[in-house]
Amino acid sequence: MVGADAVPADGGKHWTLCGAADRPCLGKHARPGADQLDATTLAGAKKPTAGVTLDYMPLCDIAFGLANGSSSCAASPGQHADEGLTILVATGSTDSSKLFTTAVTWIAGA
């Protein structure tokens, strides 16, 4: 899976992903700073656990492995997994838009 910037409705300054090792969140207590967001998957339906912090590079989605009782990210043909997403938003924004959109893309591999 791959994350993306949060784009304001007016097309102004994007909020960039933070939380990955090479892109720290710059706010207090390692939370997102100005023009940043931290998006993390929540794997599992009954007791969601923090999964993967989204990045711009493809990452292994552990929700599929957890659904099978393993730590793998491999999915079986036709398999589905319950998964949530938590997003911590910027402490401030240089854009005045009230609406921002982002995307998460899942990539099937062989």
C-alpha atoms as a PDB file:
ATOM      1  CA  MET A   1       0.000   0.000   0.000  1.00  0.00           C
ATOM      2  CA  VAL A   2       1.047   3.573  -0.655  1.00  0.00           C
ATOM      3  CA  GLY A   3      -0.035   6.838   0.993  1.00  0.00           C
ATOM      4  CA  ALA A   4      -0.385  10.308  -0.501  1.00  0.00           C
ATOM      5  CA  ASP A   5      -0.381  13.968   0.503  1.00  0.00           C
ATOM      6  CA  ALA A   6      -3.563  15.595   1.769  1.00  0.00           C
ATOM      7  CA  VAL A   7      -4.582  18.062  -0.935  1.00  0.00           C
ATOM      8  CA  PRO A   8      -6.657  21.127  -0.040  1.00  0.00           C
ATOM      9  CA  ALA A   9      -9.833  21.826  -2.006  1.00  0.00           C
ATOM     10  CA  ASP A  10      -8.363  25.039  -3.417  1.00  0.00           C
ATOM     11  CA  GLY A  11      -5.287  23.196  -4.765  1.00  0.00           C
ATOM     12  CA  GLY A  12      -2.965  25.080  -2.418  1.00  0.00           C
ATOM     13  CA  LYS A  13      -0.121  23.772  -0.241  1.00  0.00           C
ATOM     14  CA  HIS A  14      -0.402  20.048   0.422  1.00  0.00           C
ATOM     15  CA  TRP A  15       0.026  18.456   3.821  1.00  0.00           C
ATOM     16  CA  THR A  16       2.823  15.903   3.517  1.00  0.00           C
ATOM     17  CA  LEU A  17       3.036  12.483   5.134  1.00  0.00           C
ATOM     18  CA  CYS A  18       5.148  12.187   8.250  1.00  0.00           C
ATOM     19  CA  GLY A  19       5.891   9.441  10.751  1.00  0.00           C
ATOM     20  CA  ALA A  20       8.124   7.290   8.562  1.00  0.00           C
ATOM     21  CA  ALA A  21      11.745   6.894   9.653  1.00  0.00           C
ATOM     22  CA  ASP A  22      13.050   9.336   7.050  1.00  0.00           C
ATOM     23  CA  ARG A  23      10.197  11.842   7.498  1.00  0.00           C
ATOM     24  CA  PRO A  24       9.626  12.646  11.171  1.00  0.00           C
ATOM     25  CA  CYS A  25       6.565  14.504  12.407  1.00  0.00           C
ATOM     26  CA  LEU A  26       7.728  17.924  13.548  1.00  0.00           C
ATOM     27  CA  GLY A  27       5.016  18.843  16.060  1.00  0.00           C
ATOM     28  CA  LYS A  28       5.058  18.431  19.838  1.00  0.00           C
ATOM     29  CA  HIS A  29       5.492  14.875  21.109  1.00  0.00           C
ATOM     30  CA  ALA A  30       6.368  13.638  17.579  1.00  0.00           C
ATOM     31  CA  ARG A  31       2.892  14.504  16.279  1.00  0.00           C
ATOM     32  CA  PRO A  32       2.323  16.171  12.910  1.00  0.00           C
ATOM     33  CA  GLY A  33       3.551  19.737  12.627  1.00  0.00           C
ATOM     34  CA  ALA A  34       2.343  22.432  10.264  1.00  0.00           C
ATOM     35  CA  ASP A  35       1.302  21.085   6.858  1.00  0.00           C
ATOM     36  CA  GLN A  36       1.857  17.441   7.895  1.00  0.00           C
ATOM     37  CA  LEU A  37      -0.340  14.386   8.489  1.00  0.00           C
ATOM     38  CA  ASP A  38       0.384  10.974   9.972  1.00  0.00           C
ATOM     39  CA  ALA A  39      -1.715   8.127   8.553  1.00  0.00           C
ATOM     40  CA  THR A  40      -1.511   4.656  10.120  1.00  0.00           C
ATOM     41  CA  THR A  41      -3.484   1.539   9.296  1.00  0.00           C
ATOM     42  CA  LEU A  42      -5.423  -0.295  11.995  1.00  0.00           C
ATOM     43  CA  ALA A  43      -5.401  -4.035  11.416  1.00  0.00           C
ATOM     44  CA  GLY A  44      -8.074  -6.360  12.764  1.00  0.00           C
ATOM     45  CA  ALA A  45     -11.780  -5.915  13.339  1.00  0.00           C
ATOM     46  CA  LYS A  46     -12.406  -6.861  16.964  1.00  0.00           C
ATOM     47  CA  LYS A  47      -9.292  -5.403  18.600  1.00  0.00           C
ATOM     48  CA  PRO A  48      -7.632  -3.106  16.080  1.00  0.00           C
ATOM     49  CA  THR A  49      -3.887  -2.758  16.489  1.00  0.00           C
ATOM     50  CA  ALA A  50      -1.638  -0.154  14.928  1.00  0.00           C
ATOM     51  CA  GLY A  51      -0.417  -1.504  11.642  1.00  0.00           C
ATOM     52  CA  VAL A  52       1.724   0.433   9.214  1.00  0.00           C
ATOM     53  CA  THR A  53       2.531   4.144   9.010  1.00  0.00           C
ATOM     54  CA  LEU A  54       1.851   5.114   5.406  1.00  0.00           C
ATOM     55  CA  ASP A  55       4.659   6.283   3.194  1.00  0.00           C
ATOM     56  CA  TYR A  56       5.136   7.361  -0.412  1.00  0.00           C
ATOM     57  CA  MET A  57       6.917   4.073  -1.161  1.00  0.00           C
ATOM     58  CA  PRO A  58       4.972   0.769  -1.303  1.00  0.00           C
ATOM     59  CA  LEU A  59       4.787  -0.993   2.066  1.00  0.00           C
ATOM     60  CA  CYS A  60       3.714  -4.414   3.231  1.00  0.00           C
ATOM     61  CA  ASP A  61       0.145  -4.396   4.579  1.00  0.00           C
ATOM     62  CA  ILE A  62       0.152  -6.679   7.627  1.00  0.00           C
ATOM     63  CA  ALA A  63      -3.656  -6.773   7.894  1.00  0.00           C
ATOM     64  CA  PHE A  64      -3.759  -9.694   5.479  1.00  0.00           C
ATOM     65  CA  GLY A  65      -1.278 -11.718   7.489  1.00  0.00           C
ATOM     66  CA  LEU A  66      -3.027 -10.948  10.770  1.00  0.00           C
ATOM     67  CA  ALA A  67      -6.291 -12.176   9.252  1.00  0.00           C
ATOM     68  CA  ASN A  68      -4.490 -15.491   8.626  1.00  0.00           C
ATOM     69  CA  GLY A  69      -2.843 -15.550  12.074  1.00  0.00           C
ATOM     70  CA  SER A  70       0.650 -14.692  10.823  1.00  0.00           C
ATOM     71  CA  SER A  71       2.937 -11.678  10.544  1.00  0.00           C
ATOM     72  CA  SER A  72       3.163 -11.948   6.758  1.00  0.00           C
ATOM     73  CA  CYS A  73       1.678  -9.400   4.381  1.00  0.00           C
ATOM     74  CA  ALA A  74       0.781 -12.025   1.793  1.00  0.00           C
ATOM     75  CA  ALA A  75      -2.850 -12.405   0.778  1.00  0.00           C
ATOM     76  CA  SER A  76      -4.479 -15.507  -0.614  1.00  0.00           C
ATOM     77  CA  PRO A  77      -6.563 -15.281  -3.796  1.00  0.00           C
ATOM     78  CA  GLY A  78      -9.986 -13.841  -2.939  1.00  0.00           C
ATOM     79  CA  GLN A  79      -8.964 -13.039   0.645  1.00  0.00           C
ATOM     80  CA  HIS A  80     -10.246  -9.929   2.374  1.00  0.00           C
ATOM     81  CA  ALA A  81      -9.228  -8.301   5.637  1.00  0.00           C
ATOM     82  CA  ASP A  82     -10.870  -5.730   7.888  1.00  0.00           C
ATOM     83  CA  GLU A  83      -8.746  -2.651   8.216  1.00  0.00           C
ATOM     84  CA  GLY A  84      -9.123   0.875   9.465  1.00  0.00           C
ATOM     85  CA  LEU A  85      -7.122   4.040   9.092  1.00  0.00           C
ATOM     86  CA  THR A  86      -6.244   6.636  11.681  1.00  0.00           C
ATOM     87  CA  ILE A  87      -5.058  10.071  10.621  1.00  0.00           C
ATOM     88  CA  LEU A  88      -3.440  12.656  12.862  1.00  0.00           C
ATOM     89  CA  VAL A  89      -3.690  16.060  11.207  1.00  0.00           C
ATOM     90  CA  ALA A  90      -1.478  19.122  11.105  1.00  0.00           C
ATOM     91  CA  THR A  91      -1.124  21.415  14.101  1.00  0.00           C
ATOM     92  CA  GLY A  92      -1.374  24.274  11.662  1.00  0.00           C
ATOM     93  CA  SER A  93      -1.867  24.889   7.980  1.00  0.00           C
ATOM     94  CA  THR A  94      -0.579  27.478   5.568  1.00  0.00           C
ATOM     95  CA  ASP A  95      -3.730  26.845   3.498  1.00  0.00           C
ATOM     96  CA  SER A  96      -7.126  28.102   4.655  1.00  0.00           C
ATOM     97  CA  SER A  97      -9.185  25.322   3.017  1.00  0.00           C
ATOM     98  CA  LYS A  98     -11.678  23.498   5.210  1.00  0.00           C
ATOM     99  CA  LEU A  99     -11.551  20.339   3.074  1.00  0.00           C
ATOM    100  CA  PHE A 100      -8.507  18.181   2.344  1.00  0.00           C
ATOM    101  CA  THR A 101      -8.487  14.836   0.527  1.00  0.00           C
ATOM    102  CA  THR A 102      -5.947  12.021   0.504  1.00  0.00           C
ATOM    103  CA  ALA A 103      -5.701   8.515  -0.906  1.00  0.00           C
ATOM    104  CA  VAL A 104      -4.420   5.111   0.096  1.00  0.00           C
ATOM    105  CA  THR A 105      -3.623   2.725  -2.732  1.00  0.00           C
ATOM    106  CA  TRP A 106      -3.318  -1.016  -2.275  1.00  0.00           C
ATOM    107  CA  ILE A 107      -1.078  -2.780  -4.776  1.00  0.00           C
ATOM    108  CA  ALA A 108      -1.503  -6.429  -5.628  1.00  0.00           C
ATOM    109  CA  GLY A 109       1.748  -8.234  -6.280  1.00  0.00           C
ATOM    110  CA  ALA A 110       2.845 -11.625  -7.390  1.00  0.00           C
END
